[in-house]
C-alpha atoms as a PDB file:
ATOM      1  CA  ILE A   1       0.460 -13.525  -5.197  1.00  0.00           C
ATOM      2  CA  ILE A   2      -2.020 -10.694  -4.724  1.00  0.00           C
ATOM      3  CA  TYR A   3      -1.873  -8.184  -1.884  1.00  0.00           C
ATOM      4  CA  SER A   4      -4.937  -6.519  -0.401  1.00  0.00           C
ATOM      5  CA  TRP A   5      -5.700  -4.749   2.860  1.00  0.00           C
ATOM      6  CA  VAL A   6      -8.628  -5.144   5.237  1.00  0.00           C
ATOM      7  CA  PHE A   7      -9.804  -2.030   7.076  1.00  0.00           C
ATOM      8  CA  ASN A   8     -11.175  -2.583  10.596  1.00  0.00           C
ATOM      9  CA  GLU A   9     -12.888  -5.919   9.989  1.00  0.00           C
ATOM     10  CA  PHE A  10     -13.357  -8.507   7.273  1.00  0.00           C
ATOM     11  CA  PRO A  11     -14.678  -8.118   4.565  1.00  0.00           C
ATOM     12  CA  SER A  12     -14.135  -4.330   4.503  1.00  0.00           C
ATOM     13  CA  PHE A  13     -11.267  -4.033   2.003  1.00  0.00           C
ATOM     14  CA  VAL A  14      -9.277  -0.863   1.356  1.00  0.00           C
ATOM     15  CA  ALA A  15     -10.314   0.484  -2.037  1.00  0.00           C
ATOM     16  CA  GLU A  16      -7.581   2.105  -4.086  1.00  0.00           C
ATOM     17  CA  ASP A  17      -8.347   5.686  -5.070  1.00  0.00           C
ATOM     18  CA  SER A  18      -6.542   9.004  -5.420  1.00  0.00           C
ATOM     19  CA  ARG A  19      -5.318   8.772  -1.791  1.00  0.00           C
ATOM     20  CA  ARG A  20      -4.772   5.016  -1.328  1.00  0.00           C
ATOM     21  CA  PHE A  21      -2.411   2.739  -3.235  1.00  0.00           C
ATOM     22  CA  ILE A  22      -1.432  -0.903  -2.668  1.00  0.00           C
ATOM     23  CA  SER A  23       1.879  -1.916  -4.216  1.00  0.00           C
ATOM     24  CA  GLN A  24       1.569  -5.339  -5.823  1.00  0.00           C
ATOM     25  CA  GLU A  25       5.379  -5.388  -5.868  1.00  0.00           C
ATOM     26  CA  THR A  26       5.916  -5.028  -2.104  1.00  0.00           C
ATOM     27  CA  GLY A  27       2.448  -5.296  -0.557  1.00  0.00           C
ATOM     28  CA  ASN A  28       2.860  -1.882   1.059  1.00  0.00           C
ATOM     29  CA  LEU A  29      -0.208   0.272   1.611  1.00  0.00           C
ATOM     30  CA  TYR A  30       0.292   3.987   0.973  1.00  0.00           C
ATOM     31  CA  ILE A  31      -2.205   6.590   2.207  1.00  0.00           C
ATOM     32  CA  SER A  32      -1.760  10.259   1.398  1.00  0.00           C
ATOM     33  CA  LYS A  33      -3.425  13.123   3.241  1.00  0.00           C
ATOM     34  CA  VAL A  34      -4.566  10.934   6.134  1.00  0.00           C
ATOM     35  CA  GLN A  35      -8.039  11.821   7.401  1.00  0.00           C
ATOM     36  CA  THR A  36     -10.042  10.944  10.505  1.00  0.00           C
ATOM     37  CA  SER A  37     -11.967   8.373   8.444  1.00  0.00           C
ATOM     38  CA  ASP A  38      -8.657   6.489   7.878  1.00  0.00           C
ATOM     39  CA  VAL A  39      -8.218   5.830  11.602  1.00  0.00           C
ATOM     40  CA  GLY A  40      -8.593   2.174  12.483  1.00  0.00           C
ATOM     41  CA  SER A  41      -6.960  -1.222  12.177  1.00  0.00           C
ATOM     42  CA  TYR A  42      -5.316  -2.478   8.975  1.00  0.00           C
ATOM     43  CA  ILE A  43      -4.587  -6.132   8.153  1.00  0.00           C
ATOM     44  CA  CYS A  44      -2.617  -7.228   5.086  1.00  0.00           C
ATOM     45  CA  LEU A  45      -4.064 -10.195   3.189  1.00  0.00           C
ATOM     46  CA  VAL A  46      -1.752 -12.130   0.872  1.00  0.00           C
ATOM     47  CA  LYS A  47      -3.390 -14.569  -1.533  1.00  0.00           C
ATOM     48  CA  ASN A  48      -1.608 -17.227  -3.593  1.00  0.00           C
ATOM     49  CA  THR A  49      -3.501 -17.241  -6.899  1.00  0.00           C
ATOM     50  CA  VAL A  50      -2.343 -20.784  -7.741  1.00  0.00           C
ATOM     51  CA  THR A  51      -3.353 -22.558  -4.520  1.00  0.00           C
ATOM     52  CA  ASN A  52      -5.879 -19.978  -3.226  1.00  0.00           C
ATOM     53  CA  ASP A  53      -4.098 -20.104   0.152  1.00  0.00           C
ATOM     54  CA  ARG A  54      -4.387 -16.893   2.182  1.00  0.00           C
ATOM     55  CA  VAL A  55      -2.278 -15.428   4.957  1.00  0.00           C
ATOM     56  CA  LEU A  56      -3.274 -12.513   7.190  1.00  0.00           C
ATOM     57  CA  SER A  57      -0.869 -10.188   8.964  1.00  0.00           C
ATOM     58  CA  PRO A  58      -1.381  -9.067  12.545  1.00  0.00           C
ATOM     59  CA  PRO A  59      -3.498  -5.891  12.797  1.00  0.00           C
ATOM     60  CA  THR A  60      -1.672  -2.567  12.500  1.00  0.00           C
ATOM     61  CA  PRO A  61      -3.435   0.415  14.082  1.00  0.00           C
ATOM     62  CA  LEU A  62      -3.470   3.821  12.423  1.00  0.00           C
ATOM     63  CA  THR A  63      -4.037   6.740  14.786  1.00  0.00           C
ATOM     64  CA  LEU A  64      -3.891  10.490  14.290  1.00  0.00           C
ATOM     65  CA  ARG A  65      -1.624  12.628  16.392  1.00  0.00           C
ATOM     66  CA  ASN A  66      -3.551  15.183  18.386  1.00  0.00           C
ATOM     67  CA  ASP A  67      -0.569  17.229  19.562  1.00  0.00           C
ATOM     68  CA  GLY A  68      -0.376  19.189  16.301  1.00  0.00           C
ATOM     69  CA  VAL A  69       3.191  18.014  15.614  1.00  0.00           C
ATOM     70  CA  MET A  70       3.760  16.964  12.042  1.00  0.00           C
ATOM     71  CA  GLY A  71       6.866  15.167  10.893  1.00  0.00           C
ATOM     72  CA  GLU A  72       8.999  17.127   8.465  1.00  0.00           C
ATOM     73  CA  TYR A  73      10.435  15.109   5.638  1.00  0.00           C
ATOM     74  CA  GLU A  74      12.576  16.485   2.873  1.00  0.00           C
ATOM     75  CA  PRO A  75      11.140  15.612  -0.538  1.00  0.00           C
ATOM     76  CA  LYS A  76      12.400  12.335  -1.902  1.00  0.00           C
ATOM     77  CA  ILE A  77      11.470   9.958  -4.686  1.00  0.00           C
ATOM     78  CA  GLU A  78      11.715   6.212  -4.068  1.00  0.00           C
ATOM     79  CA  VAL A  79      12.522   4.237  -7.185  1.00  0.00           C
ATOM     80  CA  HIS A  80      13.220   0.515  -7.208  1.00  0.00           C
ATOM     81  CA  PHE A  81      13.440  -0.277 -10.905  1.00  0.00           C
ATOM     82  CA  PRO A  82      15.367  -3.365 -11.940  1.00  0.00           C
ATOM     83  CA  TYR A  83      18.420  -2.761 -14.129  1.00  0.00           C
ATOM     84  CA  THR A  84      16.770  -4.633 -17.017  1.00  0.00           C
ATOM     85  CA  VAL A  85      13.116  -5.351 -17.693  1.00  0.00           C
ATOM     86  CA  THR A  86      12.221  -7.974 -20.285  1.00  0.00           C
ATOM     87  CA  ALA A  87       8.670  -8.081 -21.619  1.00  0.00           C
ATOM     88  CA  ALA A  88       6.870  -9.577 -24.579  1.00  0.00           C
ATOM     89  CA  ARG A  89       5.628  -7.105 -27.175  1.00  0.00           C
ATOM     90  CA  GLY A  90       2.074  -6.004 -26.464  1.00  0.00           C
ATOM     91  CA  THR A  91       2.174  -6.835 -22.745  1.00  0.00           C
ATOM     92  CA  THR A  92       1.901  -4.326 -19.920  1.00  0.00           C
ATOM     93  CA  VAL A  93       4.885  -3.536 -17.706  1.00  0.00           C
ATOM     94  CA  LYS A  94       4.227  -1.764 -14.397  1.00  0.00           C
ATOM     95  CA  MET A  95       7.094   0.116 -12.761  1.00  0.00           C
ATOM     96  CA  GLU A  96       6.400   1.809  -9.436  1.00  0.00           C
ATOM     97  CA  CYS A  97       7.935   4.911  -7.936  1.00  0.00           C
ATOM     98  CA  PHE A  98       6.743   7.028  -5.025  1.00  0.00           C
ATOM     99  CA  ALA A  99       7.228  10.667  -4.173  1.00  0.00           C
ATOM    100  CA  LEU A 100       6.996  11.660  -0.536  1.00  0.00           C
ATOM    101  CA  GLY A 101       7.858  14.619   1.600  1.00  0.00           C
ATOM    102  CA  LYS A 102       6.796  18.085   2.469  1.00  0.00           C
END
C-alpha cells in the first residue's frame, strides 16, 4: 500500500519537503514548524498498488492556537525498528525514527 495526504480538497496532495514527512510504514503525516499556510483539512488516502483500490479517511482539521500557549514536550526520539531486518544485497532498506520535543 501507499499512503498520501490530501490538503483541503482533491487533488491537492501534501508534498514532502523539509517540514512535511509521510511515513510509508504507518501512514502518519508529520509537520514541523507549523505555519498559517498549513491550516486546513487533511485527508489520508491509502492506495492498494495491486488492485488500485483506494480508501479515504474522514477529514482532520488543523488549526493554530491563538492564545499563545505552546505545549511543552521533553525531547524524545521515537524508534520502531524491528529486532531483525533481512534484505537482499543491493536493495534499499528504510528505517524510520523521529525526534520531537522542545
